[in-house]
């Protein structure tokens, strides 16, 4: 299992800086990473991070096209350490909740569901429409960690980078990856 990767899916919702920070922290940890970037995420990466998709490639051990349904991470017979979809678009959440595996990202997510592996989704939508809330409830009931990209005001972040580090750290917490991205709650005042 030591060579099994963490799977990181980046979909086309706002929140690309969180994905970049998760990938950098995983790279620093030395953990293998299989990366899938959806077509929709490419424009968001450019808009929010001024990065092209290929700028993420050095942060991953393997990079797969979202169209490659034959990639190893599309099979339950290939072990992984868990998966995070960060950010998770409403469309991706719906596909996961409904069992639609039309891309590698959604197929890998569904493999994690069927194999009962750790799966974290980070929706970044506000306000959340009822349909998305229903899909997220379905995912939560299936054992998926739904990690809302909510800022940690109680930690008194001083910058957007502090908030991004916190959210990336929460993803890593749920994947079981040690990090130093944020310091948790301290009794007596944060």
N, C-alpha and C. Protein backbone atom coordinates (compact mmCIF):
# COMPACT_ATOMS: atom_id res chain seq x y z
N UNK A 1 0.83 -1.20 0.00
CA UNK A 1 0.00 0.00 0.00
C UNK A 1 0.86 1.26 0.00
N UNK A 2 2.15 1.10 0.33
CA UNK A 2 3.02 2.27 0.40
C UNK A 2 3.14 2.99 -0.94
N UNK A 3 3.10 2.25 -2.04
CA UNK A 3 3.21 2.89 -3.34
C UNK A 3 1.85 3.26 -3.93
N UNK A 4 0.76 2.93 -3.22
CA UNK A 4 -0.57 3.32 -3.68
C UNK A 4 -0.71 4.83 -3.57
N UNK A 5 -1.29 5.46 -4.58
CA UNK A 5 -1.37 6.92 -4.57
C UNK A 5 -2.60 7.46 -3.85
N UNK A 6 -2.53 8.71 -3.48
CA UNK A 6 -3.71 9.50 -3.18
C UNK A 6 -4.20 9.98 -4.54
N UNK A 7 -5.50 9.94 -4.75
CA UNK A 7 -6.07 10.43 -5.99
C UNK A 7 -6.64 11.82 -5.72
N UNK A 8 -6.20 12.77 -6.52
CA UNK A 8 -6.72 14.13 -6.39
C UNK A 8 -7.41 14.48 -7.71
N UNK A 9 -8.70 14.79 -7.59
CA UNK A 9 -9.47 15.24 -8.73
C UNK A 9 -9.75 16.72 -8.57
N UNK A 10 -9.51 17.47 -9.62
CA UNK A 10 -9.78 18.91 -9.62
C UNK A 10 -10.90 19.13 -10.63
N UNK A 11 -12.06 19.58 -10.15
CA UNK A 11 -13.17 19.83 -11.07
C UNK A 11 -13.39 21.33 -11.22
N UNK A 12 -14.34 21.68 -12.06
CA UNK A 12 -14.48 23.07 -12.49
C UNK A 12 -15.30 23.98 -11.61
N UNK A 13 -15.08 23.92 -10.32
CA UNK A 13 -15.73 24.87 -9.40
C UNK A 13 -14.68 25.87 -8.93
N UNK A 14 -15.13 26.98 -8.40
CA UNK A 14 -14.21 27.92 -7.78
C UNK A 14 -13.55 27.24 -6.58
N UNK A 15 -12.28 27.57 -6.34
CA UNK A 15 -11.56 26.95 -5.24
C UNK A 15 -10.28 26.27 -5.68
N UNK A 16 -9.83 26.55 -6.89
CA UNK A 16 -8.61 25.94 -7.41
C UNK A 16 -7.40 26.15 -6.49
N UNK A 17 -7.26 27.31 -5.81
CA UNK A 17 -6.10 27.47 -4.92
C UNK A 17 -6.04 26.40 -3.82
N UNK A 18 -7.20 25.90 -3.38
CA UNK A 18 -7.20 24.85 -2.36
C UNK A 18 -6.57 23.58 -2.95
N UNK A 19 -6.94 23.25 -4.18
CA UNK A 19 -6.38 22.06 -4.84
C UNK A 19 -4.87 22.19 -4.98
N UNK A 20 -4.41 23.36 -5.39
CA UNK A 20 -2.96 23.57 -5.56
C UNK A 20 -2.25 23.39 -4.23
N UNK A 21 -2.82 23.92 -3.16
CA UNK A 21 -2.18 23.80 -1.84
C UNK A 21 -2.18 22.35 -1.36
N UNK A 22 -3.25 21.61 -1.61
CA UNK A 22 -3.29 20.18 -1.26
C UNK A 22 -2.19 19.44 -2.02
N UNK A 23 -2.08 19.71 -3.31
CA UNK A 23 -1.06 19.04 -4.13
C UNK A 23 0.36 19.37 -3.65
N UNK A 24 0.59 20.63 -3.31
CA UNK A 24 1.94 21.01 -2.82
C UNK A 24 2.26 20.32 -1.50
N UNK A 25 1.28 20.25 -0.62
CA UNK A 25 1.51 19.60 0.68
C UNK A 25 1.75 18.10 0.50
N UNK A 26 1.02 17.47 -0.40
CA UNK A 26 1.24 16.05 -0.66
C UNK A 26 2.62 15.82 -1.27
N UNK A 27 3.03 16.71 -2.15
CA UNK A 27 4.38 16.62 -2.75
C UNK A 27 5.43 16.73 -1.65
N UNK A 28 5.27 17.70 -0.75
CA UNK A 28 6.21 17.88 0.36
C UNK A 28 6.25 16.66 1.27
N UNK A 29 5.13 15.96 1.39
CA UNK A 29 5.08 14.78 2.26
C UNK A 29 5.75 13.57 1.62
N UNK A 30 5.98 13.63 0.31
CA UNK A 30 6.58 12.51 -0.40
C UNK A 30 5.59 11.45 -0.81
N UNK A 31 4.32 11.68 -0.58
CA UNK A 31 3.29 10.70 -0.92
C UNK A 31 3.05 10.68 -2.43
N UNK A 32 2.83 9.49 -3.00
CA UNK A 32 2.50 9.44 -4.43
C UNK A 32 1.10 9.99 -4.68
N UNK A 33 0.94 10.70 -5.79
CA UNK A 33 -0.32 11.34 -6.12
C UNK A 33 -0.69 11.04 -7.57
N UNK A 34 -1.92 10.60 -7.78
CA UNK A 34 -2.49 10.46 -9.11
C UNK A 34 -3.44 11.64 -9.30
N UNK A 35 -3.22 12.42 -10.33
CA UNK A 35 -3.97 13.67 -10.54
C UNK A 35 -4.85 13.57 -11.78
N UNK A 36 -6.09 14.05 -11.63
CA UNK A 36 -7.02 14.18 -12.75
C UNK A 36 -7.59 15.59 -12.69
N UNK A 37 -7.48 16.32 -13.79
CA UNK A 37 -8.01 17.67 -13.87
C UNK A 37 -9.10 17.68 -14.94
N UNK A 38 -10.31 18.05 -14.56
CA UNK A 38 -11.41 18.06 -15.53
C UNK A 38 -11.24 19.21 -16.51
N UNK A 39 -11.94 19.11 -17.64
CA UNK A 39 -11.90 20.18 -18.63
C UNK A 39 -12.35 21.50 -18.03
N UNK A 40 -13.40 21.45 -17.20
CA UNK A 40 -13.91 22.67 -16.58
C UNK A 40 -12.92 23.31 -15.62
N UNK A 41 -12.08 22.50 -15.01
CA UNK A 41 -11.11 23.02 -14.04
C UNK A 41 -9.99 23.80 -14.70
N UNK A 42 -9.72 23.54 -15.96
CA UNK A 42 -8.60 24.20 -16.65
C UNK A 42 -8.81 25.71 -16.67
N UNK A 43 -10.02 26.16 -17.00
CA UNK A 43 -10.31 27.60 -17.04
C UNK A 43 -10.27 28.20 -15.64
N UNK A 44 -10.75 27.46 -14.64
CA UNK A 44 -10.76 27.97 -13.27
C UNK A 44 -9.32 28.10 -12.75
N UNK A 45 -8.47 27.13 -13.05
CA UNK A 45 -7.06 27.22 -12.65
C UNK A 45 -6.40 28.48 -13.21
N UNK A 46 -6.69 28.75 -14.48
CA UNK A 46 -6.13 29.95 -15.12
C UNK A 46 -6.66 31.22 -14.46
N UNK A 47 -7.97 31.27 -14.24
CA UNK A 47 -8.60 32.47 -13.68
C UNK A 47 -8.18 32.73 -12.24
N UNK A 48 -8.18 31.69 -11.39
CA UNK A 48 -7.94 31.88 -9.97
C UNK A 48 -6.47 31.78 -9.56
N UNK A 49 -5.69 31.02 -10.31
CA UNK A 49 -4.29 30.78 -9.91
C UNK A 49 -3.28 31.23 -10.96
N UNK A 50 -3.76 31.65 -12.11
CA UNK A 50 -2.88 32.01 -13.24
C UNK A 50 -1.96 30.84 -13.58
N UNK A 51 -2.52 29.63 -13.55
CA UNK A 51 -1.77 28.41 -13.85
C UNK A 51 -2.43 27.64 -14.96
N UNK A 52 -1.61 27.05 -15.81
CA UNK A 52 -2.11 26.10 -16.80
C UNK A 52 -2.10 24.72 -16.16
N UNK A 53 -2.85 23.79 -16.73
CA UNK A 53 -2.93 22.43 -16.19
C UNK A 53 -1.56 21.81 -16.04
N UNK A 54 -0.69 22.03 -17.03
CA UNK A 54 0.64 21.39 -16.98
C UNK A 54 1.51 21.91 -15.84
N UNK A 55 1.15 23.05 -15.24
CA UNK A 55 1.90 23.55 -14.08
C UNK A 55 1.68 22.67 -12.85
N UNK A 56 0.60 21.88 -12.85
CA UNK A 56 0.33 20.98 -11.73
C UNK A 56 1.07 19.65 -11.87
N UNK A 57 1.51 19.33 -13.06
CA UNK A 57 2.12 18.02 -13.31
C UNK A 57 3.32 17.71 -12.41
N UNK A 58 4.20 18.67 -12.12
CA UNK A 58 5.32 18.36 -11.22
C UNK A 58 4.88 18.04 -9.78
N UNK A 59 3.64 18.35 -9.45
CA UNK A 59 3.14 18.10 -8.09
C UNK A 59 2.53 16.72 -7.95
N UNK A 60 2.50 15.94 -9.03
CA UNK A 60 1.88 14.62 -9.02
C UNK A 60 2.86 13.57 -9.52
N UNK A 61 2.65 12.35 -9.06
CA UNK A 61 3.44 11.22 -9.54
C UNK A 61 2.95 10.76 -10.90
N UNK A 62 1.62 10.79 -11.07
CA UNK A 62 1.00 10.42 -12.32
C UNK A 62 -0.11 11.42 -12.62
N UNK A 63 -0.21 11.80 -13.88
CA UNK A 63 -1.26 12.70 -14.32
C UNK A 63 -2.05 11.99 -15.41
N UNK A 64 -3.36 11.95 -15.25
CA UNK A 64 -4.21 11.26 -16.21
C UNK A 64 -5.18 12.25 -16.84
N UNK A 65 -5.47 12.03 -18.11
CA UNK A 65 -6.50 12.79 -18.79
C UNK A 65 -7.85 12.41 -18.21
N UNK A 66 -8.74 13.36 -18.08
CA UNK A 66 -10.07 13.08 -17.58
C UNK A 66 -10.85 12.21 -18.56
N UNK A 67 -10.34 12.06 -19.78
CA UNK A 67 -11.00 11.25 -20.80
C UNK A 67 -10.47 9.81 -20.83
N UNK A 68 -9.47 9.50 -20.01
CA UNK A 68 -8.82 8.19 -20.01
C UNK A 68 -9.52 7.23 -19.04
N UNK A 69 -10.62 6.66 -19.47
CA UNK A 69 -11.38 5.76 -18.61
C UNK A 69 -10.67 4.42 -18.40
N UNK A 70 -9.56 4.20 -19.10
CA UNK A 70 -8.78 2.98 -18.91
C UNK A 70 -7.61 3.16 -17.96
N UNK A 71 -7.49 4.31 -17.33
CA UNK A 71 -6.39 4.57 -16.38
C UNK A 71 -6.50 3.64 -15.18
N UNK A 72 -5.38 3.32 -14.54
CA UNK A 72 -5.41 2.40 -13.40
C UNK A 72 -6.38 2.82 -12.29
N UNK A 73 -6.54 4.11 -12.04
CA UNK A 73 -7.41 4.57 -10.95
C UNK A 73 -8.89 4.38 -11.28
N UNK A 74 -9.20 3.91 -12.50
CA UNK A 74 -10.59 3.64 -12.87
C UNK A 74 -11.01 2.23 -12.45
N UNK A 75 -10.09 1.48 -11.84
CA UNK A 75 -10.38 0.11 -11.46
C UNK A 75 -10.27 -0.09 -9.95
N UNK A 76 -11.22 -0.80 -9.40
CA UNK A 76 -11.18 -1.12 -7.98
C UNK A 76 -10.09 -2.10 -7.62
N UNK A 77 -9.50 -2.75 -8.63
CA UNK A 77 -8.42 -3.71 -8.34
C UNK A 77 -7.08 -3.02 -8.10
N UNK A 78 -7.02 -1.72 -8.32
CA UNK A 78 -5.80 -0.95 -8.05
C UNK A 78 -5.97 -0.19 -6.75
N UNK A 79 -5.18 -0.50 -5.72
CA UNK A 79 -5.36 0.18 -4.43
C UNK A 79 -4.96 1.65 -4.48
N UNK A 80 -5.63 2.43 -3.66
CA UNK A 80 -5.28 3.83 -3.45
C UNK A 80 -5.33 4.10 -1.95
N UNK A 81 -4.83 5.25 -1.56
CA UNK A 81 -4.89 5.66 -0.15
C UNK A 81 -6.11 6.51 0.15
N UNK A 82 -6.88 6.84 -0.87
CA UNK A 82 -8.04 7.70 -0.73
C UNK A 82 -8.07 8.71 -1.85
N UNK A 83 -9.17 9.43 -1.91
CA UNK A 83 -9.36 10.41 -2.99
C UNK A 83 -10.01 11.67 -2.45
N UNK A 84 -9.61 12.79 -3.00
CA UNK A 84 -10.27 14.07 -2.73
C UNK A 84 -10.63 14.72 -4.05
N UNK A 85 -11.84 15.24 -4.14
CA UNK A 85 -12.26 16.05 -5.28
C UNK A 85 -12.32 17.47 -4.76
N UNK A 86 -11.33 18.25 -5.16
CA UNK A 86 -11.16 19.59 -4.58
C UNK A 86 -10.74 20.58 -5.67
N UNK A 87 -11.54 21.55 -5.98
CA UNK A 87 -12.92 21.72 -5.55
C UNK A 87 -13.84 20.73 -6.27
N UNK A 88 -15.02 20.56 -5.75
CA UNK A 88 -16.01 19.65 -6.33
C UNK A 88 -17.17 20.47 -6.88
N UNK A 89 -17.31 20.47 -8.19
CA UNK A 89 -18.40 21.22 -8.81
C UNK A 89 -19.74 20.56 -8.51
N UNK A 90 -20.81 21.31 -8.68
CA UNK A 90 -22.16 20.77 -8.48
C UNK A 90 -22.40 19.62 -9.45
N UNK A 91 -21.91 19.75 -10.67
CA UNK A 91 -22.07 18.69 -11.67
C UNK A 91 -21.36 17.42 -11.25
N UNK A 92 -20.14 17.54 -10.74
CA UNK A 92 -19.38 16.37 -10.30
C UNK A 92 -20.06 15.72 -9.10
N UNK A 93 -20.53 16.52 -8.15
CA UNK A 93 -21.24 15.98 -6.99
C UNK A 93 -22.48 15.21 -7.44
N UNK A 94 -23.22 15.77 -8.40
CA UNK A 94 -24.42 15.11 -8.90
C UNK A 94 -24.08 13.78 -9.56
N UNK A 95 -23.04 13.79 -10.39
CA UNK A 95 -22.64 12.55 -11.05
C UNK A 95 -22.23 11.48 -10.05
N UNK A 96 -21.48 11.87 -9.03
CA UNK A 96 -21.07 10.91 -8.01
C UNK A 96 -22.29 10.37 -7.26
N UNK A 97 -23.21 11.24 -6.90
CA UNK A 97 -24.39 10.83 -6.15
C UNK A 97 -25.30 9.92 -6.98
N UNK A 98 -25.33 10.15 -8.29
CA UNK A 98 -26.22 9.38 -9.16
C UNK A 98 -25.53 8.19 -9.83
N UNK A 99 -24.22 8.03 -9.60
CA UNK A 99 -23.51 6.89 -10.17
C UNK A 99 -23.16 7.05 -11.64
N UNK A 100 -22.95 8.27 -12.09
CA UNK A 100 -22.61 8.52 -13.49
C UNK A 100 -21.10 8.61 -13.62
N UNK A 101 -20.51 7.66 -14.34
CA UNK A 101 -19.05 7.57 -14.47
C UNK A 101 -18.64 7.87 -15.91
N UNK A 102 -18.90 9.08 -16.37
CA UNK A 102 -18.63 9.41 -17.76
C UNK A 102 -17.27 10.05 -17.99
N UNK A 103 -16.52 10.29 -16.92
CA UNK A 103 -15.16 10.82 -17.02
C UNK A 103 -14.28 10.02 -16.06
N UNK A 104 -12.98 10.18 -16.19
CA UNK A 104 -12.10 9.48 -15.26
C UNK A 104 -12.30 9.97 -13.83
N UNK A 105 -12.49 11.27 -13.66
CA UNK A 105 -12.67 11.81 -12.31
C UNK A 105 -13.89 11.18 -11.64
N UNK A 106 -15.02 11.13 -12.36
CA UNK A 106 -16.22 10.55 -11.75
C UNK A 106 -16.09 9.04 -11.62
N UNK A 107 -15.44 8.38 -12.57
CA UNK A 107 -15.24 6.93 -12.45
C UNK A 107 -14.36 6.61 -11.24
N UNK A 108 -13.27 7.35 -11.05
CA UNK A 108 -12.40 7.11 -9.89
C UNK A 108 -13.15 7.38 -8.60
N UNK A 109 -13.97 8.41 -8.57
CA UNK A 109 -14.78 8.68 -7.37
C UNK A 109 -15.74 7.54 -7.08
N UNK A 110 -16.38 7.02 -8.11
CA UNK A 110 -17.31 5.92 -7.91
C UNK A 110 -16.60 4.64 -7.50
N UNK A 111 -15.37 4.44 -7.98
CA UNK A 111 -14.57 3.30 -7.51
C UNK A 111 -14.33 3.42 -6.01
N UNK A 112 -14.03 4.63 -5.55
CA UNK A 112 -13.82 4.83 -4.11
C UNK A 112 -15.10 4.56 -3.32
N UNK A 113 -16.23 4.94 -3.88
CA UNK A 113 -17.51 4.64 -3.22
C UNK A 113 -17.76 3.14 -3.16
N UNK A 114 -17.63 2.46 -4.29
CA UNK A 114 -17.97 1.04 -4.32
C UNK A 114 -17.00 0.19 -3.51
N UNK A 115 -15.75 0.62 -3.43
CA UNK A 115 -14.75 -0.12 -2.66
C UNK A 115 -14.71 0.32 -1.20
N UNK A 116 -15.56 1.29 -0.84
CA UNK A 116 -15.64 1.82 0.52
C UNK A 116 -14.30 2.43 0.96
N UNK A 117 -13.67 3.12 0.02
CA UNK A 117 -12.42 3.82 0.31
C UNK A 117 -12.74 5.26 0.70
N UNK A 118 -11.79 5.87 1.34
CA UNK A 118 -11.94 7.26 1.78
C UNK A 118 -12.14 8.17 0.57
N UNK A 119 -13.19 8.98 0.62
CA UNK A 119 -13.49 9.94 -0.44
C UNK A 119 -13.92 11.24 0.22
N UNK A 120 -13.27 12.32 -0.17
CA UNK A 120 -13.56 13.66 0.35
C UNK A 120 -13.97 14.53 -0.83
N UNK A 121 -15.08 15.23 -0.71
CA UNK A 121 -15.47 16.20 -1.73
C UNK A 121 -15.55 17.58 -1.08
N UNK A 122 -15.08 18.58 -1.82
CA UNK A 122 -15.05 19.95 -1.30
C UNK A 122 -15.90 20.83 -2.22
N UNK A 123 -17.21 20.89 -1.94
CA UNK A 123 -18.06 21.75 -2.77
C UNK A 123 -17.75 23.22 -2.50
N UNK A 124 -17.82 24.02 -3.54
CA UNK A 124 -17.56 25.45 -3.39
C UNK A 124 -18.63 26.19 -4.18
N UNK A 125 -19.79 26.26 -3.60
CA UNK A 125 -20.94 26.88 -4.24
C UNK A 125 -21.71 27.63 -3.18
N UNK A 126 -22.14 28.84 -3.49
CA UNK A 126 -22.96 29.56 -2.53
C UNK A 126 -23.86 30.54 -3.27
N UNK A 127 -25.12 30.58 -2.95
CA UNK A 127 -25.82 29.65 -2.08
C UNK A 127 -25.91 28.29 -2.76
N UNK A 128 -26.15 27.26 -1.96
CA UNK A 128 -26.27 25.91 -2.50
C UNK A 128 -27.73 25.64 -2.84
N UNK A 129 -28.00 25.29 -4.11
CA UNK A 129 -29.38 24.96 -4.46
C UNK A 129 -29.81 23.63 -3.84
N UNK A 130 -31.10 23.45 -3.73
CA UNK A 130 -31.65 22.24 -3.11
C UNK A 130 -31.13 20.97 -3.78
N UNK A 131 -31.01 21.00 -5.11
CA UNK A 131 -30.54 19.79 -5.81
C UNK A 131 -29.13 19.41 -5.35
N UNK A 132 -28.25 20.39 -5.22
CA UNK A 132 -26.88 20.11 -4.77
C UNK A 132 -26.90 19.59 -3.34
N UNK A 133 -27.71 20.22 -2.49
CA UNK A 133 -27.81 19.76 -1.10
C UNK A 133 -28.27 18.30 -1.03
N UNK A 134 -29.22 17.93 -1.88
CA UNK A 134 -29.68 16.53 -1.91
C UNK A 134 -28.55 15.59 -2.35
N UNK A 135 -27.82 16.00 -3.37
CA UNK A 135 -26.71 15.16 -3.84
C UNK A 135 -25.63 15.03 -2.78
N UNK A 136 -25.32 16.12 -2.09
CA UNK A 136 -24.31 16.06 -1.03
C UNK A 136 -24.79 15.18 0.13
N UNK A 137 -26.09 15.24 0.45
CA UNK A 137 -26.64 14.36 1.49
C UNK A 137 -26.50 12.90 1.07
N UNK A 138 -26.81 12.60 -0.18
CA UNK A 138 -26.65 11.23 -0.68
C UNK A 138 -25.21 10.77 -0.52
N UNK A 139 -24.27 11.63 -0.88
CA UNK A 139 -22.85 11.27 -0.75
C UNK A 139 -22.47 11.07 0.71
N UNK A 140 -22.92 11.97 1.57
CA UNK A 140 -22.61 11.85 3.00
C UNK A 140 -23.17 10.55 3.56
N UNK A 141 -24.40 10.21 3.20
CA UNK A 141 -25.00 8.97 3.67
C UNK A 141 -24.25 7.73 3.15
N UNK A 142 -23.53 7.88 2.03
CA UNK A 142 -22.72 6.78 1.48
C UNK A 142 -21.33 6.73 2.11
N UNK A 143 -21.05 7.63 3.05
CA UNK A 143 -19.77 7.61 3.74
C UNK A 143 -18.74 8.60 3.24
N UNK A 144 -19.12 9.45 2.29
CA UNK A 144 -18.21 10.46 1.76
C UNK A 144 -18.11 11.61 2.75
N UNK A 145 -16.90 12.14 2.91
CA UNK A 145 -16.72 13.35 3.72
C UNK A 145 -17.03 14.54 2.83
N UNK A 146 -18.06 15.30 3.21
CA UNK A 146 -18.42 16.52 2.49
C UNK A 146 -17.82 17.67 3.28
N UNK A 147 -16.76 18.24 2.74
CA UNK A 147 -15.99 19.26 3.45
C UNK A 147 -16.28 20.62 2.81
N UNK A 148 -17.20 21.34 3.39
CA UNK A 148 -17.58 22.66 2.88
C UNK A 148 -16.37 23.60 2.96
N UNK A 149 -16.17 24.37 1.93
CA UNK A 149 -15.04 25.30 1.89
C UNK A 149 -15.35 26.57 2.67
N UNK A 150 -15.63 26.40 3.95
CA UNK A 150 -15.99 27.52 4.82
C UNK A 150 -14.76 28.04 5.54
N UNK A 151 -14.59 29.36 5.62
CA UNK A 151 -13.41 29.91 6.28
C UNK A 151 -13.44 29.68 7.80
N UNK A 152 -12.28 29.54 8.40
CA UNK A 152 -12.17 29.25 9.84
C UNK A 152 -12.02 30.53 10.67
N UNK A 153 -13.07 31.28 10.81
CA UNK A 153 -12.96 32.57 11.50
C UNK A 153 -12.43 32.44 12.92
N UNK A 154 -12.75 31.34 13.60
CA UNK A 154 -12.31 31.16 14.98
C UNK A 154 -10.79 31.03 15.11
N UNK A 155 -10.11 30.76 13.99
CA UNK A 155 -8.64 30.71 14.01
C UNK A 155 -8.02 32.07 13.67
N UNK A 156 -8.86 33.06 13.43
CA UNK A 156 -8.42 34.43 13.13
C UNK A 156 -7.43 34.48 11.96
N UNK A 157 -7.85 33.99 10.79
CA UNK A 157 -6.95 34.04 9.64
C UNK A 157 -6.62 35.48 9.28
N UNK A 158 -5.39 35.69 8.89
CA UNK A 158 -4.94 37.06 8.56
C UNK A 158 -4.97 37.32 7.06
N UNK A 159 -5.15 36.24 6.27
CA UNK A 159 -5.12 36.41 4.83
C UNK A 159 -5.92 35.29 4.16
N UNK A 160 -6.15 35.46 2.88
CA UNK A 160 -6.80 34.41 2.09
C UNK A 160 -5.90 33.18 2.07
N UNK A 161 -4.59 33.38 2.05
CA UNK A 161 -3.67 32.24 2.09
C UNK A 161 -3.84 31.43 3.37
N UNK A 162 -4.06 32.10 4.50
CA UNK A 162 -4.31 31.39 5.75
C UNK A 162 -5.58 30.53 5.65
N UNK A 163 -6.61 31.09 5.04
CA UNK A 163 -7.86 30.33 4.87
C UNK A 163 -7.66 29.15 3.91
N UNK A 164 -6.90 29.38 2.86
CA UNK A 164 -6.61 28.31 1.90
C UNK A 164 -5.82 27.20 2.57
N UNK A 165 -4.81 27.57 3.36
CA UNK A 165 -4.03 26.56 4.08
C UNK A 165 -4.92 25.75 5.01
N UNK A 166 -5.83 26.41 5.70
CA UNK A 166 -6.74 25.71 6.60
C UNK A 166 -7.58 24.69 5.84
N UNK A 167 -8.18 25.13 4.74
CA UNK A 167 -9.04 24.22 3.98
C UNK A 167 -8.25 23.06 3.39
N UNK A 168 -7.06 23.34 2.87
CA UNK A 168 -6.21 22.26 2.36
C UNK A 168 -5.82 21.32 3.49
N UNK A 169 -5.53 21.88 4.66
CA UNK A 169 -5.19 21.06 5.82
C UNK A 169 -6.34 20.17 6.25
N UNK A 170 -7.56 20.68 6.18
CA UNK A 170 -8.74 19.86 6.53
C UNK A 170 -8.89 18.69 5.55
N UNK A 171 -8.63 18.93 4.27
CA UNK A 171 -8.66 17.84 3.29
C UNK A 171 -7.62 16.79 3.67
N UNK A 172 -6.41 17.25 3.97
CA UNK A 172 -5.34 16.33 4.34
C UNK A 172 -5.67 15.58 5.63
N UNK A 173 -6.29 16.27 6.59
CA UNK A 173 -6.73 15.60 7.83
C UNK A 173 -7.60 14.39 7.50
N UNK A 174 -8.55 14.58 6.60
CA UNK A 174 -9.49 13.52 6.28
C UNK A 174 -8.89 12.44 5.38
N UNK A 175 -7.77 12.75 4.75
CA UNK A 175 -7.03 11.72 3.99
C UNK A 175 -6.01 11.02 4.88
N UNK A 176 -5.83 11.53 6.11
CA UNK A 176 -4.87 10.92 7.03
C UNK A 176 -3.43 11.30 6.76
N UNK A 177 -3.22 12.49 6.20
CA UNK A 177 -1.87 12.96 5.86
C UNK A 177 -1.43 14.02 6.88
N UNK A 178 -0.34 13.77 7.60
CA UNK A 178 0.17 14.78 8.52
C UNK A 178 0.59 16.05 7.78
N UNK A 179 0.41 17.18 8.40
CA UNK A 179 0.77 18.46 7.77
C UNK A 179 0.96 19.52 8.85
N UNK A 180 1.41 20.68 8.40
CA UNK A 180 1.56 21.84 9.29
C UNK A 180 0.89 23.07 8.69
N UNK A 181 -0.20 22.86 8.01
CA UNK A 181 -0.86 23.96 7.31
C UNK A 181 -1.66 24.87 8.23
N UNK A 182 -2.13 24.34 9.34
CA UNK A 182 -2.85 25.17 10.30
C UNK A 182 -2.74 24.53 11.67
N UNK A 183 -2.96 25.34 12.68
CA UNK A 183 -3.01 24.86 14.06
C UNK A 183 -4.47 24.88 14.48
N UNK A 184 -4.93 23.78 15.00
CA UNK A 184 -6.34 23.65 15.37
C UNK A 184 -6.74 24.49 16.55
N UNK A 185 -7.97 24.31 16.96
CA UNK A 185 -8.59 25.04 18.05
C UNK A 185 -7.80 24.87 19.34
N UNK A 186 -7.62 25.95 20.05
CA UNK A 186 -7.02 25.92 21.37
C UNK A 186 -8.05 26.43 22.35
N UNK A 187 -8.30 25.65 23.38
CA UNK A 187 -9.29 26.07 24.39
C UNK A 187 -8.86 27.42 24.97
N UNK A 188 -9.83 28.29 25.15
CA UNK A 188 -9.54 29.58 25.74
C UNK A 188 -9.29 30.67 24.74
N UNK A 189 -9.67 30.46 23.47
CA UNK A 189 -9.62 31.62 22.59
C UNK A 189 -8.92 31.42 21.27
N UNK A 190 -8.89 30.24 20.73
CA UNK A 190 -8.43 30.05 19.37
C UNK A 190 -6.99 30.14 19.26
